[in-house]
């Protein structure tokens, strides 16, 4: 099923409020500004700063 395009349009990075984009595999939402990635678990984005990982991982 995945994350809907409508939801992706309104999601923002909780740290900097910039837009996020979905990785090709659909497992992460990435903030290019903060260099953080947020997990997507069972098609649900986990937009918590303490669950984010550095983009270089």
N, C-alpha and C. Protein backbone atom coordinates (compact mmCIF):
# COMPACT_ATOMS: atom_id res chain seq x y z
N UNK A 1 0.83 -1.19 0.00
CA UNK A 1 0.00 0.00 0.00
C UNK A 1 0.87 1.25 0.00
N UNK A 2 1.75 1.42 0.96
CA UNK A 2 2.65 2.56 0.98
C UNK A 2 2.02 3.83 1.51
N UNK A 3 2.83 4.86 1.56
CA UNK A 3 2.37 6.17 2.02
C UNK A 3 1.74 6.92 0.86
N UNK A 4 0.57 7.49 1.08
CA UNK A 4 -0.13 8.19 0.01
C UNK A 4 0.60 9.48 -0.36
N UNK A 5 0.39 9.90 -1.59
CA UNK A 5 0.99 11.15 -2.06
C UNK A 5 0.45 12.35 -1.30
N UNK A 6 -0.81 12.28 -0.90
CA UNK A 6 -1.42 13.36 -0.14
C UNK A 6 -0.73 13.53 1.22
N UNK A 7 -0.43 12.40 1.87
CA UNK A 7 0.26 12.45 3.16
C UNK A 7 1.68 12.98 2.99
N UNK A 8 2.38 12.53 1.95
CA UNK A 8 3.74 13.01 1.71
C UNK A 8 3.80 14.52 1.52
N UNK A 9 2.76 15.08 0.92
CA UNK A 9 2.72 16.53 0.69
C UNK A 9 2.67 17.33 1.98
N UNK A 10 2.06 16.77 3.03
CA UNK A 10 1.90 17.53 4.27
C UNK A 10 2.93 17.19 5.34
N UNK A 11 3.67 16.10 5.16
CA UNK A 11 4.68 15.74 6.15
C UNK A 11 5.86 16.69 6.10
N UNK A 12 6.40 16.99 7.26
CA UNK A 12 7.58 17.85 7.37
C UNK A 12 8.49 17.29 8.44
N UNK A 13 9.75 17.60 8.33
CA UNK A 13 10.73 17.19 9.32
C UNK A 13 10.38 17.85 10.66
N UNK A 14 10.27 17.06 11.72
CA UNK A 14 9.94 17.67 13.01
C UNK A 14 11.05 18.54 13.59
N UNK A 15 12.28 18.37 13.11
CA UNK A 15 13.40 19.15 13.63
C UNK A 15 13.49 20.53 12.99
N UNK A 16 13.32 20.60 11.65
CA UNK A 16 13.53 21.87 10.95
C UNK A 16 12.32 22.36 10.17
N UNK A 17 11.30 21.52 10.07
CA UNK A 17 10.04 21.85 9.37
C UNK A 17 10.18 21.90 7.85
N UNK A 18 11.30 21.43 7.29
CA UNK A 18 11.44 21.34 5.84
C UNK A 18 10.78 20.06 5.34
N UNK A 19 10.59 19.99 4.03
CA UNK A 19 9.92 18.81 3.46
C UNK A 19 10.81 17.57 3.54
N UNK A 20 10.17 16.43 3.54
CA UNK A 20 10.87 15.15 3.53
C UNK A 20 10.47 14.40 2.26
N UNK A 21 11.32 13.48 1.85
CA UNK A 21 10.98 12.65 0.70
C UNK A 21 11.19 11.18 1.04
N UNK A 22 10.43 10.34 0.39
CA UNK A 22 10.45 8.91 0.62
C UNK A 22 11.58 8.28 -0.18
N UNK A 23 12.31 7.36 0.45
CA UNK A 23 13.35 6.63 -0.28
C UNK A 23 12.69 5.68 -1.27
N UNK A 24 13.46 5.24 -2.25
CA UNK A 24 12.92 4.35 -3.28
C UNK A 24 12.38 3.05 -2.71
N UNK A 25 13.02 2.55 -1.65
CA UNK A 25 12.54 1.29 -1.06
C UNK A 25 11.36 1.50 -0.11
N UNK A 26 11.00 2.76 0.17
CA UNK A 26 9.85 3.07 1.00
C UNK A 26 10.06 2.86 2.49
N UNK A 27 11.30 2.66 2.91
CA UNK A 27 11.58 2.38 4.32
C UNK A 27 11.95 3.60 5.14
N UNK A 28 12.22 4.73 4.48
CA UNK A 28 12.68 5.93 5.20
C UNK A 28 12.09 7.19 4.59
N UNK A 29 11.87 8.18 5.43
CA UNK A 29 11.58 9.54 4.99
C UNK A 29 12.83 10.35 5.30
N UNK A 30 13.34 11.06 4.31
CA UNK A 30 14.62 11.74 4.41
C UNK A 30 14.44 13.25 4.40
N UNK A 31 15.13 13.91 5.34
CA UNK A 31 15.22 15.37 5.34
C UNK A 31 16.63 15.72 4.87
N UNK A 32 16.72 16.28 3.69
CA UNK A 32 18.02 16.65 3.13
C UNK A 32 18.64 17.81 3.88
N UNK A 33 17.83 18.66 4.47
CA UNK A 33 18.33 19.82 5.19
C UNK A 33 19.04 19.41 6.49
N UNK A 34 18.39 18.58 7.29
CA UNK A 34 18.96 18.13 8.57
C UNK A 34 19.89 16.93 8.44
N UNK A 35 19.85 16.29 7.28
CA UNK A 35 20.61 15.05 7.05
C UNK A 35 20.16 13.95 8.01
N UNK A 36 18.82 13.86 8.21
CA UNK A 36 18.24 12.83 9.04
C UNK A 36 17.28 11.99 8.21
N UNK A 37 17.11 10.73 8.64
CA UNK A 37 16.11 9.88 8.02
C UNK A 37 15.22 9.29 9.10
N UNK A 38 13.94 9.25 8.81
CA UNK A 38 12.93 8.78 9.74
C UNK A 38 12.37 7.45 9.22
N UNK A 39 12.21 6.46 10.10
CA UNK A 39 11.74 5.16 9.64
C UNK A 39 10.26 5.16 9.27
N UNK A 40 9.93 4.27 8.34
CA UNK A 40 8.54 4.01 7.99
C UNK A 40 8.30 2.55 8.37
N UNK A 41 7.41 2.33 9.33
CA UNK A 41 7.14 0.98 9.82
C UNK A 41 5.69 0.61 9.52
N UNK A 42 5.52 -0.45 8.75
CA UNK A 42 4.19 -0.92 8.35
C UNK A 42 3.38 0.21 7.72
N UNK A 43 4.03 0.93 6.81
CA UNK A 43 3.43 2.06 6.07
C UNK A 43 3.06 3.24 6.96
N UNK A 44 3.61 3.31 8.17
CA UNK A 44 3.35 4.44 9.07
C UNK A 44 4.65 5.17 9.33
N UNK A 45 4.74 6.46 8.96
CA UNK A 45 5.95 7.22 9.22
C UNK A 45 6.12 7.51 10.71
N UNK A 46 7.31 7.24 11.22
CA UNK A 46 7.62 7.50 12.62
C UNK A 46 8.42 8.80 12.66
N UNK A 47 7.72 9.91 12.81
CA UNK A 47 8.32 11.24 12.72
C UNK A 47 8.70 11.77 14.09
N UNK A 48 9.50 11.00 14.81
CA UNK A 48 9.99 11.38 16.12
C UNK A 48 11.49 11.63 16.02
N UNK A 49 11.95 12.76 16.51
CA UNK A 49 13.36 13.11 16.39
C UNK A 49 14.25 12.06 17.04
N UNK A 50 13.82 11.50 18.15
CA UNK A 50 14.66 10.50 18.82
C UNK A 50 14.70 9.16 18.09
N UNK A 51 13.84 8.95 17.10
CA UNK A 51 13.88 7.73 16.29
C UNK A 51 14.62 7.95 14.97
N UNK A 52 14.97 9.19 14.67
CA UNK A 52 15.68 9.50 13.42
C UNK A 52 17.13 8.99 13.49
N UNK A 53 17.66 8.72 12.31
CA UNK A 53 19.05 8.30 12.18
C UNK A 53 19.77 9.25 11.24
N UNK A 54 21.09 9.39 11.42
CA UNK A 54 21.85 10.21 10.48
C UNK A 54 21.74 9.66 9.06
N UNK A 55 21.72 10.53 8.10
CA UNK A 55 21.55 10.13 6.71
C UNK A 55 22.68 9.26 6.20
N UNK A 56 23.88 9.37 6.75
CA UNK A 56 25.02 8.62 6.25
C UNK A 56 25.02 7.15 6.64
N UNK A 57 24.05 6.70 7.39
CA UNK A 57 23.98 5.28 7.77
C UNK A 57 23.33 4.45 6.73
